Structures are given as structure tokens and as C-alpha cells.
Amino acid sequence: MTVWRDPNALTAFMYQGRHREMLSRRNEWFERVAEVMTALWWVPAGHRPTIAEAEARLLHLRANGPTPHAFTLRKSFPAGSDAGADAAAVSGTVEPVAGEVPEGLGCPA
């Protein structure tokens, strides 16, 4: 588990330099998985997320798709939108933010 300032900082790390080179070769080392393996969410300043919290967010993402509670790089939500906003996301009042992931890299979800 890692903590990043925002999705842009994570994207910059993942899809540039040596990490991008290794990521583009992942099919040599890993089998393709059918379900989401990574969940993103906004963490309040000073909070240290736990493994149990990460697992709960990942399970939420798998069950509900991207919401303000747990999302992906391809479909994220603005900081602060998780404060009871999952119902609002379903009703369309919280707009997701489309992420830019280079073609052929990243998860399809």
C-alpha cells in the first residue's frame, strides 16, 4: 500500500521513466487478472490508512464500481467528495474525473 498526494502524482510515477518500462513488460511476469486489484481513495491529512481499510475499499470498488468511496485512475472523484456522497454519485450529482492513462498500460476498469 502506498499513499500519494493526488492521482496526478501517482500517474506521473507509474507512467514515466523506469517504472513505465517495467509496467509495459508486466505480461512477461504476471497473468492477466479478471477483477480490480487496486483501489484509490482520498485520505484525510494525518490519517494512516490500514490494510483492513484498504481491503474494505477494494471490496467496495469491486462490488459497486468507481464511486467517491473507492475509485480508479481512469475514473476518480474530487477530494472531499466521499463524505456520504456514494448515493450522490449514483444519482449523478457528483461528477467523476476521467484520468489519462497511456494506451496499453493500466487496468481497463
PDB file of N, CA and C in Angstrom:
ATOM      1  N   MET A   1       0.856  -1.166   0.000  1.00  0.00           N
ATOM      2  CA  MET A   1       0.000   0.000   0.000  1.00  0.00           C
ATOM      3  C   MET A   1       0.903   1.230   0.000  1.00  0.00           C
ATOM      4  N   THR A   2       0.525   2.210  -0.824  1.00  0.00           N
ATOM      5  CA  THR A   2       1.249   3.475  -0.861  1.00  0.00           C
ATOM      6  C   THR A   2       0.262   4.621  -0.738  1.00  0.00           C
ATOM      7  N   VAL A   3       0.756   5.771  -0.335  1.00  0.00           N
ATOM      8  CA  VAL A   3      -0.071   6.971  -0.217  1.00  0.00           C
ATOM      9  C   VAL A   3       0.547   8.039  -1.118  1.00  0.00           C
ATOM     10  N   TRP A   4      -0.288   8.655  -1.955  1.00  0.00           N
ATOM     11  CA  TRP A   4       0.150   9.675  -2.898  1.00  0.00           C
ATOM     12  C   TRP A   4      -0.594  10.965  -2.647  1.00  0.00           C
ATOM     13  N   ARG A   5      -0.005  12.075  -3.051  1.00  0.00           N
ATOM     14  CA  ARG A   5      -0.617  13.397  -2.876  1.00  0.00           C
ATOM     15  C   ARG A   5      -1.931  13.507  -3.631  1.00  0.00           C
ATOM     16  N   ASP A   6      -1.955  12.998  -4.869  1.00  0.00           N
ATOM     17  CA  ASP A   6      -3.154  13.050  -5.698  1.00  0.00           C
ATOM     18  C   ASP A   6      -2.974  12.083  -6.871  1.00  0.00           C
ATOM     19  N   PRO A   7      -4.037  11.819  -7.631  1.00  0.00           N
ATOM     20  CA  PRO A   7      -3.905  10.893  -8.764  1.00  0.00           C
ATOM     21  C   PRO A   7      -2.849  11.319  -9.785  1.00  0.00           C
ATOM     22  N   ASN A   8      -2.649  12.614  -9.962  1.00  0.00           N
ATOM     23  CA  ASN A   8      -1.643  13.080 -10.919  1.00  0.00           C
ATOM     24  C   ASN A   8      -0.238  12.677 -10.503  1.00  0.00           C
ATOM     25  N   ALA A   9       0.062  12.741  -9.212  1.00  0.00           N
ATOM     26  CA  ALA A   9       1.385  12.328  -8.726  1.00  0.00           C
ATOM     27  C   ALA A   9       1.586  10.827  -8.930  1.00  0.00           C
ATOM     28  N   LEU A  10       0.555  10.041  -8.667  1.00  0.00           N
ATOM     29  CA  LEU A  10       0.635   8.596  -8.883  1.00  0.00           C
ATOM     30  C   LEU A  10       0.815   8.287 -10.364  1.00  0.00           C
ATOM     31  N   THR A  11       0.034   8.945 -11.213  1.00  0.00           N
ATOM     32  CA  THR A  11       0.134   8.730 -12.658  1.00  0.00           C
ATOM     33  C   THR A  11       1.526   9.098 -13.165  1.00  0.00           C
ATOM     34  N   ALA A  12       2.067  10.202 -12.688  1.00  0.00           N
ATOM     35  CA  ALA A  12       3.401  10.621 -13.115  1.00  0.00           C
ATOM     36  C   ALA A  12       4.438   9.557 -12.768  1.00  0.00           C
ATOM     37  N   PHE A  13       4.335   8.971 -11.579  1.00  0.00           N
ATOM     38  CA  PHE A  13       5.266   7.907 -11.197  1.00  0.00           C
ATOM     39  C   PHE A  13       5.061   6.662 -12.058  1.00  0.00           C
ATOM     40  N   MET A  14       3.822   6.246 -12.184  1.00  0.00           N
ATOM     41  CA  MET A  14       3.535   4.967 -12.853  1.00  0.00           C
ATOM     42  C   MET A  14       3.887   4.958 -14.331  1.00  0.00           C
ATOM     43  N   TYR A  15       3.617   6.049 -15.022  1.00  0.00           N
ATOM     44  CA  TYR A  15       3.688   6.030 -16.477  1.00  0.00           C
ATOM     45  C   TYR A  15       4.845   6.838 -17.060  1.00  0.00           C
ATOM     46  N   GLN A  16       5.891   7.055 -16.257  1.00  0.00           N
ATOM     47  CA  GLN A  16       7.085   7.727 -16.754  1.00  0.00           C
ATOM     48  C   GLN A  16       8.320   6.946 -16.317  1.00  0.00           C
ATOM     49  N   GLY A  17       9.395   7.122 -17.055  1.00  0.00           N
ATOM     50  CA  GLY A  17      10.682   6.577 -16.664  1.00  0.00           C
ATOM     51  C   GLY A  17      10.744   5.071 -16.570  1.00  0.00           C
ATOM     52  N   ARG A  18      11.586   4.601 -15.652  1.00  0.00           N
ATOM     53  CA  ARG A  18      11.844   3.164 -15.500  1.00  0.00           C
ATOM     54  C   ARG A  18      10.582   2.384 -15.129  1.00  0.00           C
ATOM     55  N   HIS A  19       9.725   2.961 -14.306  1.00  0.00           N
ATOM     56  CA  HIS A  19       8.514   2.249 -13.925  1.00  0.00           C
ATOM     57  C   HIS A  19       7.646   1.975 -15.148  1.00  0.00           C
ATOM     58  N   ARG A  20       7.538   2.933 -16.043  1.00  0.00           N
ATOM     59  CA  ARG A  20       6.760   2.712 -17.269  1.00  0.00           C
ATOM     60  C   ARG A  20       7.376   1.579 -18.092  1.00  0.00           C
ATOM     61  N   GLU A  21       8.696   1.559 -18.181  1.00  0.00           N
ATOM     62  CA  GLU A  21       9.376   0.497 -18.923  1.00  0.00           C
ATOM     63  C   GLU A  21       9.021  -0.874 -18.349  1.00  0.00           C
ATOM     64  N   MET A  22       9.069  -0.993 -17.041  1.00  0.00           N
ATOM     65  CA  MET A  22       8.746  -2.267 -16.393  1.00  0.00           C
ATOM     66  C   MET A  22       7.255  -2.582 -16.529  1.00  0.00           C
ATOM     67  N   LEU A  23       6.410  -1.586 -16.378  1.00  0.00           N
ATOM     68  CA  LEU A  23       4.972  -1.787 -16.485  1.00  0.00           C
ATOM     69  C   LEU A  23       4.597  -2.288 -17.879  1.00  0.00           C
ATOM     70  N   SER A  24       5.247  -1.790 -18.895  1.00  0.00           N
ATOM     71  CA  SER A  24       4.930  -2.226 -20.256  1.00  0.00           C
ATOM     72  C   SER A  24       5.325  -3.679 -20.496  1.00  0.00           C
ATOM     73  N   ARG A  25       6.174  -4.250 -19.634  1.00  0.00           N
ATOM     74  CA  ARG A  25       6.594  -5.648 -19.762  1.00  0.00           C
ATOM     75  C   ARG A  25       5.894  -6.567 -18.761  1.00  0.00           C
ATOM     76  N   ARG A  26       4.901  -6.071 -18.068  1.00  0.00           N
ATOM     77  CA  ARG A  26       4.260  -6.853 -16.998  1.00  0.00           C
ATOM     78  C   ARG A  26       3.694  -8.172 -17.477  1.00  0.00           C
ATOM     79  N   ASN A  27       3.296  -8.246 -18.747  1.00  0.00           N
ATOM     80  CA  ASN A  27       2.735  -9.505 -19.268  1.00  0.00           C
ATOM     81  C   ASN A  27       3.764 -10.625 -19.290  1.00  0.00           C
ATOM     82  N   GLU A  28       5.038 -10.278 -19.228  1.00  0.00           N
ATOM     83  CA  GLU A  28       6.095 -11.288 -19.170  1.00  0.00           C
ATOM     84  C   GLU A  28       6.154 -11.963 -17.803  1.00  0.00           C
ATOM     85  N   TRP A  29       5.686 -11.259 -16.779  1.00  0.00           N
ATOM     86  CA  TRP A  29       5.839 -11.748 -15.405  1.00  0.00           C
ATOM     87  C   TRP A  29       4.531 -12.080 -14.698  1.00  0.00           C
ATOM     88  N   PHE A  30       3.430 -11.496 -15.148  1.00  0.00           N
ATOM     89  CA  PHE A  30       2.159 -11.668 -14.440  1.00  0.00           C
ATOM     90  C   PHE A  30       1.073 -12.182 -15.366  1.00  0.00           C
ATOM     91  N   GLU A  31       0.140 -12.933 -14.806  1.00  0.00           N
ATOM     92  CA  GLU A  31      -1.049 -13.340 -15.549  1.00  0.00           C
ATOM     93  C   GLU A  31      -2.075 -12.224 -15.462  1.00  0.00           C
ATOM     94  N   ARG A  32      -2.894 -12.097 -16.502  1.00  0.00           N
ATOM     95  CA  ARG A  32      -3.948 -11.081 -16.506  1.00  0.00           C
ATOM     96  C   ARG A  32      -5.018 -11.480 -15.491  1.00  0.00           C
ATOM     97  N   VAL A  33      -5.456 -10.542 -14.694  1.00  0.00           N
ATOM     98  CA  VAL A  33      -6.489 -10.808 -13.693  1.00  0.00           C
ATOM     99  C   VAL A  33      -7.824 -10.255 -14.170  1.00  0.00           C
ATOM    100  N   ALA A  34      -8.894 -10.882 -13.740  1.00  0.00           N
ATOM    101  CA  ALA A  34     -10.226 -10.502 -14.202  1.00  0.00           C
ATOM    102  C   ALA A  34     -10.869  -9.413 -13.345  1.00  0.00           C
ATOM    103  N   GLU A  35     -10.379  -9.216 -12.127  1.00  0.00           N
ATOM    104  CA  GLU A  35     -11.025  -8.234 -11.261  1.00  0.00           C
ATOM    105  C   GLU A  35     -10.071  -7.107 -10.885  1.00  0.00           C
ATOM    106  N   VAL A  36     -10.636  -6.033 -10.413  1.00  0.00           N
ATOM    107  CA  VAL A  36      -9.851  -4.873  -9.995  1.00  0.00           C
ATOM    108  C   VAL A  36      -8.938  -5.264  -8.840  1.00  0.00           C
ATOM    109  N   MET A  37      -7.684  -4.845  -8.909  1.00  0.00           N
ATOM    110  CA  MET A  37      -6.704  -5.175  -7.863  1.00  0.00           C
ATOM    111  C   MET A  37      -6.260  -3.962  -7.056  1.00  0.00           C
ATOM    112  N   THR A  38      -6.608  -2.773  -7.515  1.00  0.00           N
ATOM    113  CA  THR A  38      -6.141  -1.550  -6.870  1.00  0.00           C
ATOM    114  C   THR A  38      -7.296  -0.581  -6.682  1.00  0.00           C
ATOM    115  N   ALA A  39      -7.418  -0.047  -5.494  1.00  0.00           N
ATOM    116  CA  ALA A  39      -8.441   0.961  -5.206  1.00  0.00           C
ATOM    117  C   ALA A  39      -7.753   2.242  -4.738  1.00  0.00           C
ATOM    118  N   LEU A  40      -8.281   3.364  -5.175  1.00  0.00           N
ATOM    119  CA  LEU A  40      -7.805   4.662  -4.718  1.00  0.00           C
ATOM    120  C   LEU A  40      -8.906   5.317  -3.902  1.00  0.00           C
ATOM    121  N   TRP A  41      -8.530   6.128  -2.942  1.00  0.00           N
ATOM    122  CA  TRP A  41      -9.483   6.923  -2.175  1.00  0.00           C
ATOM    123  C   TRP A  41      -8.720   8.063  -1.522  1.00  0.00           C
ATOM    124  N   TRP A  42      -9.446   9.116  -1.178  1.00  0.00           N
ATOM    125  CA  TRP A  42      -8.834  10.275  -0.535  1.00  0.00           C
ATOM    126  C   TRP A  42      -8.666   9.987   0.955  1.00  0.00           C
ATOM    127  N   VAL A  43      -7.492  10.301   1.466  1.00  0.00           N
ATOM    128  CA  VAL A  43      -7.169  10.070   2.873  1.00  0.00           C
ATOM    129  C   VAL A  43      -7.036  11.429   3.556  1.00  0.00           C
ATOM    130  N   PRO A  44      -7.751  11.647   4.658  1.00  0.00           N
ATOM    131  CA  PRO A  44      -7.622  12.921   5.376  1.00  0.00           C
ATOM    132  C   PRO A  44      -6.190  13.139   5.864  1.00  0.00           C
ATOM    133  N   ALA A  45      -5.766  14.386   5.900  1.00  0.00           N
ATOM    134  CA  ALA A  45      -4.427  14.713   6.381  1.00  0.00           C
ATOM    135  C   ALA A  45      -4.217  14.152   7.778  1.00  0.00           C
ATOM    136  N   GLY A  46      -3.087  13.504   7.988  1.00  0.00           N
ATOM    137  CA  GLY A  46      -2.746  12.945   9.287  1.00  0.00           C
ATOM    138  C   GLY A  46      -3.257  11.535   9.529  1.00  0.00           C
ATOM    139  N   HIS A  47      -4.133  11.046   8.663  1.00  0.00           N
ATOM    140  CA  HIS A  47      -4.679   9.692   8.827  1.00  0.00           C
ATOM    141  C   HIS A  47      -3.745   8.676   8.175  1.00  0.00           C
ATOM    142  N   ARG A  48      -3.503   7.563   8.864  1.00  0.00           N
ATOM    143  CA  ARG A  48      -2.704   6.476   8.302  1.00  0.00           C
ATOM    144  C   ARG A  48      -3.646   5.331   7.967  1.00  0.00           C
ATOM    145  N   PRO A  49      -3.889   5.091   6.676  1.00  0.00           N
ATOM    146  CA  PRO A  49      -4.809   4.015   6.311  1.00  0.00           C
ATOM    147  C   PRO A  49      -4.272   2.650   6.728  1.00  0.00           C
ATOM    148  N   THR A  50      -5.185   1.766   7.071  1.00  0.00           N
ATOM    149  CA  THR A  50      -4.815   0.415   7.494  1.00  0.00           C
ATOM    150  C   THR A  50      -5.044  -0.562   6.342  1.00  0.00           C
ATOM    151  N   ILE A  51      -4.470  -1.739   6.483  1.00  0.00           N
ATOM    152  CA  ILE A  51      -4.694  -2.794   5.498  1.00  0.00           C
ATOM    153  C   ILE A  51      -6.176  -3.164   5.464  1.00  0.00           C
ATOM    154  N   ALA A  52      -6.819  -3.217   6.611  1.00  0.00           N
ATOM    155  CA  ALA A  52      -8.254  -3.535   6.664  1.00  0.00           C
ATOM    156  C   ALA A  52      -9.066  -2.481   5.914  1.00  0.00           C
ATOM    157  N   GLU A  53      -8.697  -1.224   6.062  1.00  0.00           N
ATOM    158  CA  GLU A  53      -9.381  -0.150   5.342  1.00  0.00           C
ATOM    159  C   GLU A  53      -9.183  -0.312   3.829  1.00  0.00           C
ATOM    160  N   ALA A  54      -7.958  -0.625   3.423  1.00  0.00           N
ATOM    161  CA  ALA A  54      -7.666  -0.823   2.001  1.00  0.00           C
ATOM    162  C   ALA A  54      -8.476  -1.991   1.445  1.00  0.00           C
ATOM    163  N   GLU A  55      -8.549  -3.076   2.199  1.00  0.00           N
ATOM    164  CA  GLU A  55      -9.319  -4.228   1.741  1.00  0.00           C
ATOM    165  C   GLU A  55     -10.797  -3.871   1.597  1.00  0.00           C
ATOM    166  N   ALA A  56     -11.342  -3.141   2.565  1.00  0.00           N
ATOM    167  CA  ALA A  56     -12.747  -2.748   2.504  1.00  0.00           C
ATOM    168  C   ALA A  56     -13.009  -1.850   1.294  1.00  0.00           C
ATOM    169  N   ARG A  57     -12.091  -0.928   1.010  1.00  0.00           N
ATOM    170  CA  ARG A  57     -12.255  -0.048  -0.159  1.00  0.00           C
ATOM    171  C   ARG A  57     -12.180  -0.856  -1.456  1.00  0.00           C
ATOM    172  N   LEU A  58     -11.256  -1.803  -1.517  1.00  0.00           N
ATOM    173  CA  LEU A  58     -11.122  -2.629  -2.711  1.00  0.00           C
ATOM    174  C   LEU A  58     -12.388  -3.461  -2.938  1.00  0.00           C
ATOM    175  N   LEU A  59     -12.907  -4.063  -1.882  1.00  0.00           N
ATOM    176  CA  LEU A  59     -14.137  -4.850  -1.999  1.00  0.00           C
ATOM    177  C   LEU A  59     -15.317  -3.970  -2.417  1.00  0.00           C
ATOM    178  N   HIS A  60     -15.354  -2.741  -1.890  1.00  0.00           N
ATOM    179  CA  HIS A  60     -16.400  -1.796  -2.281  1.00  0.00           C
ATOM    180  C   HIS A  60     -16.296  -1.473  -3.778  1.00  0.00           C
ATOM    181  N   LEU A  61     -15.083  -1.233  -4.254  1.00  0.00           N
ATOM    182  CA  LEU A  61     -14.866  -0.937  -5.667  1.00  0.00           C
ATOM    183  C   LEU A  61     -15.291  -2.107  -6.542  1.00  0.00           C
ATOM    184  N   ARG A  62     -14.929  -3.309  -6.141  1.00  0.00           N
ATOM    185  CA  ARG A  62     -15.321  -4.491  -6.917  1.00  0.00           C
ATOM    186  C   ARG A  62     -16.839  -4.650  -6.975  1.00  0.00           C
ATOM    187  N   ALA A  63     -17.513  -4.361  -5.882  1.00  0.00           N
ATOM    188  CA  ALA A  63     -18.966  -4.554  -5.814  1.00  0.00           C
ATOM    189  C   ALA A  63     -19.749  -3.428  -6.480  1.00  0.00           C
ATOM    190  N   ASN A  64     -19.227  -2.194  -6.424  1.00  0.00           N
ATOM    191  CA  ASN A  64     -20.007  -1.027  -6.848  1.00  0.00           C
ATOM    192  C   ASN A  64     -19.420  -0.256  -8.024  1.00  0.00           C
ATOM    193  N   GLY A  65     -18.221  -0.624  -8.452  1.00  0.00           N
ATOM    194  CA  GLY A  65     -17.562   0.193  -9.469  1.00  0.00           C
ATOM    195  C   GLY A  65     -17.045   1.468  -8.835  1.00  0.00           C
ATOM    196  N   PRO A  66     -16.444   2.345  -9.639  1.00  0.00           N
ATOM    197  CA  PRO A  66     -15.877   3.582  -9.083  1.00  0.00           C
ATOM    198  C   PRO A  66     -16.943   4.501  -8.487  1.00  0.00           C
ATOM    199  N   THR A  67     -16.720   4.892  -7.251  1.00  0.00           N
ATOM    200  CA  THR A  67     -17.559   5.851  -6.526  1.00  0.00           C
ATOM    201  C   THR A  67     -16.621   6.762  -5.750  1.00  0.00           C
ATOM    202  N   PRO A  68     -17.118   7.813  -5.123  1.00  0.00           N
ATOM    203  CA  PRO A  68     -16.241   8.658  -4.307  1.00  0.00           C
ATOM    204  C   PRO A  68     -15.570   7.891  -3.158  1.00  0.00           C
ATOM    205  N   HIS A  69     -16.136   6.764  -2.752  1.00  0.00           N
ATOM    206  CA  HIS A  69     -15.591   5.967  -1.654  1.00  0.00           C
ATOM    207  C   HIS A  69     -14.365   5.162  -2.072  1.00  0.00           C
ATOM    208  N   ALA A  70     -14.337   4.696  -3.317  1.00  0.00           N
ATOM    209  CA  ALA A  70     -13.217   3.918  -3.855  1.00  0.00           C
ATOM    210  C   ALA A  70     -13.275   4.029  -5.367  1.00  0.00           C
ATOM    211  N   PHE A  71     -12.151   4.404  -5.975  1.00  0.00           N
ATOM    212  CA  PHE A  71     -12.157   4.652  -7.411  1.00  0.00           C
ATOM    213  C   PHE A  71     -10.857   4.196  -8.050  1.00  0.00           C
ATOM    214  N   THR A  72     -10.711   4.460  -9.349  1.00  0.00           N
ATOM    215  CA  THR A  72      -9.537   4.048 -10.115  1.00  0.00           C
ATOM    216  C   THR A  72      -8.872   5.279 -10.725  1.00  0.00           C
ATOM    217  N   LEU A  73      -7.707   5.087 -11.324  1.00  0.00           N
ATOM    218  CA  LEU A  73      -7.066   6.196 -12.036  1.00  0.00           C
ATOM    219  C   LEU A  73      -7.894   6.627 -13.241  1.00  0.00           C
ATOM    220  N   ARG A  74      -8.540   5.674 -13.890  1.00  0.00           N
ATOM    221  CA  ARG A  74      -9.348   6.010 -15.070  1.00  0.00           C
ATOM    222  C   ARG A  74     -10.605   6.788 -14.716  1.00  0.00           C
ATOM    223  N   LYS A  75     -11.151   6.546 -13.536  1.00  0.00           N
ATOM    224  CA  LYS A  75     -12.378   7.226 -13.114  1.00  0.00           C
ATOM    225  C   LYS A  75     -12.250   7.576 -11.637  1.00  0.00           C
ATOM    226  N   SER A  76     -11.774   8.786 -11.375  1.00  0.00           N
ATOM    227  CA  SER A  76     -11.590   9.224  -9.986  1.00  0.00           C
ATOM    228  C   SER A  76     -12.623  10.292  -9.637  1.00  0.00           C
ATOM    229  N   PHE A  77     -12.598  10.727  -8.396  1.00  0.00           N
ATOM    230  CA  PHE A  77     -13.534  11.730  -7.903  1.00  0.00           C
ATOM    231  C   PHE A  77     -12.759  12.799  -7.149  1.00  0.00           C
ATOM    232  N   PRO A  78     -13.280  14.022  -7.096  1.00  0.00           N
ATOM    233  CA  PRO A  78     -12.565  15.105  -6.411  1.00  0.00           C
ATOM    234  C   PRO A  78     -12.390  14.826  -4.919  1.00  0.00           C
ATOM    235  N   ALA A  79     -11.331  15.362  -4.363  1.00  0.00           N
ATOM    236  CA  ALA A  79     -11.090  15.239  -2.923  1.00  0.00           C
ATOM    237  C   ALA A  79     -12.291  15.806  -2.166  1.00  0.00           C
ATOM    238  N   GLY A  80     -12.656  15.133  -1.078  1.00  0.00           N
ATOM    239  CA  GLY A  80     -13.767  15.587  -0.250  1.00  0.00           C
ATOM    240  C   GLY A  80     -15.128  15.118  -0.723  1.00  0.00           C
ATOM    241  N   SER A  81     -15.187  14.418  -1.853  1.00  0.00           N
ATOM    242  CA  SER A  81     -16.490  14.000  -2.374  1.00  0.00           C
ATOM    243  C   SER A  81     -17.010  12.725  -1.721  1.00  0.00           C
ATOM    244  N   ASP A  82     -16.217  12.109  -0.826  1.00  0.00           N
ATOM    245  CA  ASP A  82     -16.631  10.856  -0.193  1.00  0.00           C
ATOM    246  C   ASP A  82     -17.519  11.046   1.026  1.00  0.00           C
ATOM    247  N   ALA A  83     -17.679  12.238   1.508  1.00  0.00           N
ATOM    248  CA  ALA A  83     -18.462  12.480   2.725  1.00  0.00           C
ATOM    249  C   ALA A  83     -19.934  12.157   2.480  1.00  0.00           C
ATOM    250  N   GLY A  84     -20.246  10.848   2.467  1.00  0.00           N
ATOM    251  CA  GLY A  84     -21.617  10.408   2.253  1.00  0.00           C
ATOM    252  C   GLY A  84     -22.085  10.588   0.825  1.00  0.00           C
ATOM    253  N   ALA A  85     -21.151  10.648  -0.120  1.00  0.00           N
ATOM    254  CA  ALA A  85     -21.516  11.003  -1.489  1.00  0.00           C
ATOM    255  C   ALA A  85     -21.740   9.823  -2.416  1.00  0.00           C
ATOM    256  N   ASP A  86     -21.632   8.583  -1.952  1.00  0.00           N
ATOM    257  CA  ASP A  86     -21.829   7.459  -2.869  1.00  0.00           C
ATOM    258  C   ASP A  86     -23.227   7.493  -3.493  1.00  0.00           C
ATOM    259  N   ALA A  87     -24.233   7.798  -2.696  1.00  0.00           N
ATOM    260  CA  ALA A  87     -25.591   7.893  -3.248  1.00  0.00           C
ATOM    261  C   ALA A  87     -25.671   9.034  -4.250  1.00  0.00           C
ATOM    262  N   ALA A  88     -24.995  10.136  -3.962  1.00  0.00           N
ATOM    263  CA  ALA A  88     -24.980  11.265  -4.894  1.00  0.00           C
ATOM    264  C   ALA A  88     -24.284  10.878  -6.194  1.00  0.00           C
ATOM    265  N   ALA A  89     -23.229  10.068  -6.102  1.00  0.00           N
ATOM    266  CA  ALA A  89     -22.524   9.628  -7.316  1.00  0.00           C
ATOM    267  C   ALA A  89     -23.437   8.768  -8.170  1.00  0.00           C
ATOM    268  N   VAL A  90     -24.212   7.896  -7.518  1.00  0.00           N
ATOM    269  CA  VAL A  90     -25.130   7.044  -8.253  1.00  0.00           C
ATOM    270  C   VAL A  90     -26.209   7.894  -8.922  1.00  0.00           C
ATOM    271  N   SER A  91     -26.671   8.936  -8.228  1.00  0.00           N
ATOM    272  CA  SER A  91     -27.716   9.789  -8.802  1.00  0.00           C
ATOM    273  C   SER A  91     -27.156  10.776  -9.813  1.00  0.00           C
ATOM    274  N   GLY A  92     -25.814  10.889  -9.898  1.00  0.00           N
ATOM    275  CA  GLY A  92     -25.205  11.751 -10.898  1.00  0.00           C
ATOM    276  C   GLY A  92     -24.880  13.149 -10.422  1.00  0.00           C
ATOM    277  N   THR A  93     -25.021  13.432  -9.116  1.00  0.00           N
ATOM    278  CA  THR A  93     -24.730  14.780  -8.643  1.00  0.00           C
ATOM    279  C   THR A  93     -23.252  14.996  -8.319  1.00  0.00           C
ATOM    280  N   VAL A  94     -22.464  13.935  -8.203  1.00  0.00           N
ATOM    281  CA  VAL A  94     -21.018  14.048  -8.054  1.00  0.00           C
ATOM    282  C   VAL A  94     -20.401  13.533  -9.337  1.00  0.00           C
ATOM    283  N   GLU A  95     -19.717  14.406 -10.049  1.00  0.00           N
ATOM    284  CA  GLU A  95     -19.155  14.040 -11.348  1.00  0.00           C
ATOM    285  C   GLU A  95     -17.789  13.381 -11.193  1.00  0.00           C
ATOM    286  N   PRO A  96     -17.587  12.213 -11.826  1.00  0.00           N
ATOM    287  CA  PRO A  96     -16.256  11.612 -11.809  1.00  0.00           C
ATOM    288  C   PRO A  96     -15.306  12.416 -12.690  1.00  0.00           C
ATOM    289  N   VAL A  97     -14.018  12.222 -12.449  1.00  0.00           N
ATOM    290  CA  VAL A  97     -12.983  12.881 -13.228  1.00  0.00           C
ATOM    291  C   VAL A  97     -12.290  11.809 -14.054  1.00  0.00           C
ATOM    292  N   ALA A  98     -12.281  11.976 -15.355  1.00  0.00           N
ATOM    293  CA  ALA A  98     -11.624  10.992 -16.222  1.00  0.00           C
ATOM    294  C   ALA A  98     -10.120  11.152 -16.116  1.00  0.00           C
ATOM    295  N   GLY A  99      -9.431  10.045 -15.867  1.00  0.00           N
ATOM    296  CA  GLY A  99      -7.981  10.069 -15.789  1.00  0.00           C
ATOM    297  C   GLY A  99      -7.354   9.741 -17.124  1.00  0.00           C
ATOM    298  N   GLU A 100      -6.137  10.192 -17.310  1.00  0.00           N
ATOM    299  CA  GLU A 100      -5.416   9.905 -18.547  1.00  0.00           C
ATOM    300  C   GLU A 100      -4.383   8.832 -18.285  1.00  0.00           C
ATOM    301  N   VAL A 101      -4.639   7.650 -18.832  1.00  0.00           N
ATOM    302  CA  VAL A 101      -3.732   6.514 -18.708  1.00  0.00           C
ATOM    303  C   VAL A 101      -3.266   6.156 -20.111  1.00  0.00           C
ATOM    304  N   PRO A 102      -1.955   6.082 -20.336  1.00  0.00           N
ATOM    305  CA  PRO A 102      -1.473   5.763 -21.683  1.00  0.00           C
ATOM    306  C   PRO A 102      -2.071   4.477 -22.223  1.00  0.00           C
ATOM    307  N   GLU A 103      -2.328   4.450 -23.506  1.00  0.00           N
ATOM    308  CA  GLU A 103      -2.906   3.282 -24.180  1.00  0.00           C
ATOM    309  C   GLU A 103      -2.036   2.060 -23.948  1.00  0.00           C
ATOM    310  N   GLY A 104      -2.663   0.936 -23.610  1.00  0.00           N
ATOM    311  CA  GLY A 104      -1.934  -0.312 -23.387  1.00  0.00           C
ATOM    312  C   GLY A 104      -1.366  -0.467 -22.005  1.00  0.00           C
ATOM    313  N   LEU A 105      -1.472   0.562 -21.173  1.00  0.00           N
ATOM    314  CA  LEU A 105      -0.982   0.483 -19.799  1.00  0.00           C
ATOM    315  C   LEU A 105      -2.151   0.670 -18.852  1.00  0.00           C
ATOM    316  N   GLY A 106      -2.010   0.152 -17.637  1.00  0.00           N
ATOM    317  CA  GLY A 106      -3.060   0.320 -16.650  1.00  0.00           C
ATOM    318  C   GLY A 106      -4.166  -0.707 -16.790  1.00  0.00           C
ATOM    319  N   CYS A 107      -5.120  -0.664 -15.868  1.00  0.00           N
ATOM    320  CA  CYS A 107      -6.247  -1.581 -15.847  1.00  0.00           C
ATOM    321  C   CYS A 107      -7.366  -1.028 -16.713  1.00  0.00           C
ATOM    322  N   PRO A 108      -8.183  -1.888 -17.305  1.00  0.00           N
ATOM    323  CA  PRO A 108      -9.274  -1.405 -18.145  1.00  0.00           C
ATOM    324  C   PRO A 108     -10.408  -0.763 -17.355  1.00  0.00           C
ATOM    325  N   ALA A 109     -10.518  -1.032 -16.060  1.00  0.00           N
ATOM    326  CA  ALA A 109     -11.646  -0.527 -15.270  1.00  0.00           C
ATOM    327  C   ALA A 109     -11.543   0.953 -14.991  1.00  0.00           C
TER     328      ALA A 109
END
